[in-house]
């Protein structure tokens, strides 16, 4: 799977901007992402804090594909 250009911490920062009242279209333009990407991130990371996202990372690392 392709590696993301954004870390979990950066994604949560983008979502916090929207919570602060910034328009979704403006955020997407500034970050260079599509609105679909924004809403996927919101579904996955919405409501999380940075410390909670760090706890998700080791669990996701164990789900890598083995073999060829």
N, C-alpha and C. Protein backbone atom coordinates (compact mmCIF):
# COMPACT_ATOMS: atom_id res chain seq x y z
N UNK A 1 0.85 -1.18 0.00
CA UNK A 1 0.00 0.00 0.00
C UNK A 1 0.90 1.24 0.00
N UNK A 2 0.44 2.28 -0.66
CA UNK A 2 1.20 3.51 -0.78
C UNK A 2 1.28 4.25 0.55
N UNK A 3 2.45 4.80 0.83
CA UNK A 3 2.66 5.56 2.06
C UNK A 3 2.02 6.94 1.94
N UNK A 4 1.39 7.40 3.00
CA UNK A 4 0.73 8.70 3.01
C UNK A 4 1.76 9.83 3.08
N UNK A 5 1.43 10.96 2.47
CA UNK A 5 2.29 12.14 2.58
C UNK A 5 2.13 12.81 3.93
N UNK A 6 1.06 12.48 4.63
CA UNK A 6 0.73 13.12 5.90
C UNK A 6 0.81 12.13 7.04
N UNK A 7 1.35 12.57 8.17
CA UNK A 7 1.36 11.73 9.37
C UNK A 7 0.01 11.86 10.06
N UNK A 8 -0.24 10.97 11.00
CA UNK A 8 -1.49 11.04 11.75
C UNK A 8 -1.61 12.38 12.49
N UNK A 9 -0.49 12.86 13.00
CA UNK A 9 -0.49 14.14 13.72
C UNK A 9 -0.89 15.29 12.79
N UNK A 10 -0.38 15.27 11.56
CA UNK A 10 -0.71 16.32 10.60
C UNK A 10 -2.18 16.24 10.21
N UNK A 11 -2.69 15.03 10.02
CA UNK A 11 -4.09 14.84 9.65
C UNK A 11 -5.00 15.39 10.75
N UNK A 12 -4.68 15.09 11.99
CA UNK A 12 -5.48 15.59 13.10
C UNK A 12 -5.41 17.11 13.17
N UNK A 13 -4.25 17.67 12.86
CA UNK A 13 -4.13 19.13 12.82
C UNK A 13 -5.03 19.75 11.76
N UNK A 14 -5.14 19.11 10.61
CA UNK A 14 -6.02 19.58 9.55
C UNK A 14 -7.47 19.53 10.02
N UNK A 15 -7.85 18.45 10.68
CA UNK A 15 -9.22 18.31 11.17
C UNK A 15 -9.53 19.33 12.26
N UNK A 16 -8.54 19.67 13.06
CA UNK A 16 -8.73 20.68 14.12
C UNK A 16 -9.01 22.06 13.51
N UNK A 17 -8.40 22.34 12.34
CA UNK A 17 -8.66 23.61 11.66
C UNK A 17 -10.14 23.73 11.31
N UNK A 18 -10.72 22.63 10.84
CA UNK A 18 -12.14 22.65 10.49
C UNK A 18 -13.00 22.83 11.73
N UNK A 19 -12.61 22.20 12.83
CA UNK A 19 -13.35 22.36 14.08
C UNK A 19 -13.29 23.81 14.58
N UNK A 20 -12.20 24.49 14.24
CA UNK A 20 -12.03 25.88 14.67
C UNK A 20 -12.86 26.85 13.82
N UNK A 21 -13.50 26.34 12.76
CA UNK A 21 -14.39 27.18 11.98
C UNK A 21 -13.93 27.48 10.56
N UNK A 22 -12.80 26.94 10.16
CA UNK A 22 -12.31 27.17 8.81
C UNK A 22 -13.14 26.34 7.82
N UNK A 23 -13.38 26.87 6.64
CA UNK A 23 -14.20 26.17 5.65
C UNK A 23 -13.43 24.98 5.07
N UNK A 24 -14.17 23.90 4.81
CA UNK A 24 -13.58 22.67 4.29
C UNK A 24 -12.87 22.90 2.96
N UNK A 25 -13.50 23.64 2.07
CA UNK A 25 -12.90 23.90 0.76
C UNK A 25 -11.57 24.65 0.90
N UNK A 26 -11.51 25.58 1.82
CA UNK A 26 -10.28 26.35 2.06
C UNK A 26 -9.17 25.45 2.60
N UNK A 27 -9.51 24.58 3.52
CA UNK A 27 -8.52 23.66 4.10
C UNK A 27 -7.99 22.74 3.02
N UNK A 28 -8.88 22.18 2.21
CA UNK A 28 -8.47 21.26 1.15
C UNK A 28 -7.53 21.94 0.15
N UNK A 29 -7.84 23.17 -0.20
CA UNK A 29 -6.99 23.90 -1.14
C UNK A 29 -5.62 24.17 -0.55
N UNK A 30 -5.56 24.57 0.72
CA UNK A 30 -4.29 24.86 1.37
C UNK A 30 -3.41 23.62 1.50
N UNK A 31 -4.04 22.49 1.83
CA UNK A 31 -3.28 21.27 2.07
C UNK A 31 -3.02 20.47 0.79
N UNK A 32 -3.71 20.80 -0.30
CA UNK A 32 -3.53 20.08 -1.56
C UNK A 32 -4.19 18.72 -1.54
N UNK A 33 -5.34 18.61 -0.89
CA UNK A 33 -6.07 17.35 -0.82
C UNK A 33 -7.46 17.54 -1.41
N UNK A 34 -8.10 16.43 -1.78
CA UNK A 34 -9.47 16.52 -2.27
C UNK A 34 -10.44 16.52 -1.10
N UNK A 35 -11.65 16.93 -1.37
CA UNK A 35 -12.66 16.91 -0.31
C UNK A 35 -12.96 15.47 0.10
N UNK A 36 -12.86 14.53 -0.83
CA UNK A 36 -13.08 13.11 -0.49
C UNK A 36 -12.04 12.64 0.52
N UNK A 37 -10.80 13.05 0.32
CA UNK A 37 -9.74 12.69 1.26
C UNK A 37 -10.02 13.28 2.63
N UNK A 38 -10.45 14.53 2.64
CA UNK A 38 -10.77 15.18 3.91
C UNK A 38 -11.84 14.39 4.66
N UNK A 39 -12.90 13.99 3.98
CA UNK A 39 -13.99 13.29 4.65
C UNK A 39 -13.59 11.87 5.06
N UNK A 40 -12.69 11.23 4.31
CA UNK A 40 -12.15 9.93 4.74
C UNK A 40 -11.37 10.09 6.03
N UNK A 41 -10.54 11.13 6.09
CA UNK A 41 -9.77 11.40 7.30
C UNK A 41 -10.70 11.69 8.46
N UNK A 42 -11.76 12.45 8.19
CA UNK A 42 -12.70 12.80 9.26
C UNK A 42 -13.38 11.55 9.80
N UNK A 43 -13.72 10.62 8.92
CA UNK A 43 -14.35 9.38 9.36
C UNK A 43 -13.40 8.54 10.19
N UNK A 44 -12.12 8.54 9.81
CA UNK A 44 -11.14 7.70 10.50
C UNK A 44 -10.58 8.35 11.76
N UNK A 45 -10.25 9.64 11.68
CA UNK A 45 -9.54 10.32 12.76
C UNK A 45 -10.37 11.36 13.50
N UNK A 46 -11.60 11.58 13.08
CA UNK A 46 -12.42 12.61 13.70
C UNK A 46 -12.61 12.37 15.19
N UNK A 47 -12.36 13.38 16.00
CA UNK A 47 -12.52 13.27 17.44
C UNK A 47 -11.32 12.72 18.17
N UNK A 48 -10.30 12.29 17.44
CA UNK A 48 -9.10 11.76 18.10
C UNK A 48 -8.15 12.89 18.46
N UNK A 49 -7.39 12.67 19.49
CA UNK A 49 -6.29 13.54 19.85
C UNK A 49 -5.00 12.91 19.32
N UNK A 50 -3.93 13.68 19.29
CA UNK A 50 -2.66 13.19 18.76
C UNK A 50 -2.18 11.98 19.55
N UNK A 51 -2.33 12.00 20.86
CA UNK A 51 -1.86 10.88 21.68
C UNK A 51 -2.64 9.60 21.36
N UNK A 52 -3.92 9.72 21.05
CA UNK A 52 -4.72 8.56 20.70
C UNK A 52 -4.31 8.01 19.33
N UNK A 53 -3.96 8.89 18.40
CA UNK A 53 -3.53 8.46 17.07
C UNK A 53 -2.21 7.70 17.15
N UNK A 54 -1.34 8.11 18.06
CA UNK A 54 -0.06 7.41 18.23
C UNK A 54 -0.27 5.99 18.72
N UNK A 55 -1.33 5.78 19.51
CA UNK A 55 -1.63 4.43 19.97
C UNK A 55 -2.15 3.56 18.84
N UNK A 56 -2.77 4.16 17.82
CA UNK A 56 -3.28 3.40 16.68
C UNK A 56 -2.15 2.87 15.81
N UNK A 57 -1.07 3.61 15.71
CA UNK A 57 0.01 3.27 14.80
C UNK A 57 0.60 1.88 15.04
N UNK A 58 0.96 1.49 16.27
CA UNK A 58 1.53 0.14 16.46
C UNK A 58 0.54 -0.96 16.09
N UNK A 59 -0.73 -0.76 16.32
CA UNK A 59 -1.73 -1.76 15.97
C UNK A 59 -1.82 -1.90 14.46
N UNK A 60 -1.75 -0.80 13.73
CA UNK A 60 -1.82 -0.84 12.28
C UNK A 60 -0.55 -1.43 11.68
N UNK A 61 0.58 -1.25 12.33
CA UNK A 61 1.84 -1.78 11.83
C UNK A 61 1.84 -3.31 11.85
N UNK A 62 1.11 -3.91 12.73
CA UNK A 62 1.04 -5.35 12.81
C UNK A 62 0.19 -5.98 11.72
N UNK A 63 -0.52 -5.18 10.96
CA UNK A 63 -1.41 -5.68 9.93
C UNK A 63 -0.77 -5.67 8.53
N UNK A 64 0.54 -5.60 8.46
CA UNK A 64 1.20 -5.58 7.16
C UNK A 64 1.10 -6.94 6.50
N UNK A 65 1.16 -6.92 5.19
CA UNK A 65 1.02 -8.15 4.42
C UNK A 65 2.34 -8.90 4.38
N UNK A 66 2.29 -10.19 4.58
CA UNK A 66 3.49 -11.02 4.56
C UNK A 66 3.45 -11.89 3.31
N UNK A 67 4.59 -11.99 2.64
CA UNK A 67 4.66 -12.84 1.46
C UNK A 67 4.63 -12.04 0.18
N UNK A 68 4.53 -12.71 -0.91
CA UNK A 68 4.58 -12.00 -2.17
C UNK A 68 3.57 -12.41 -3.06
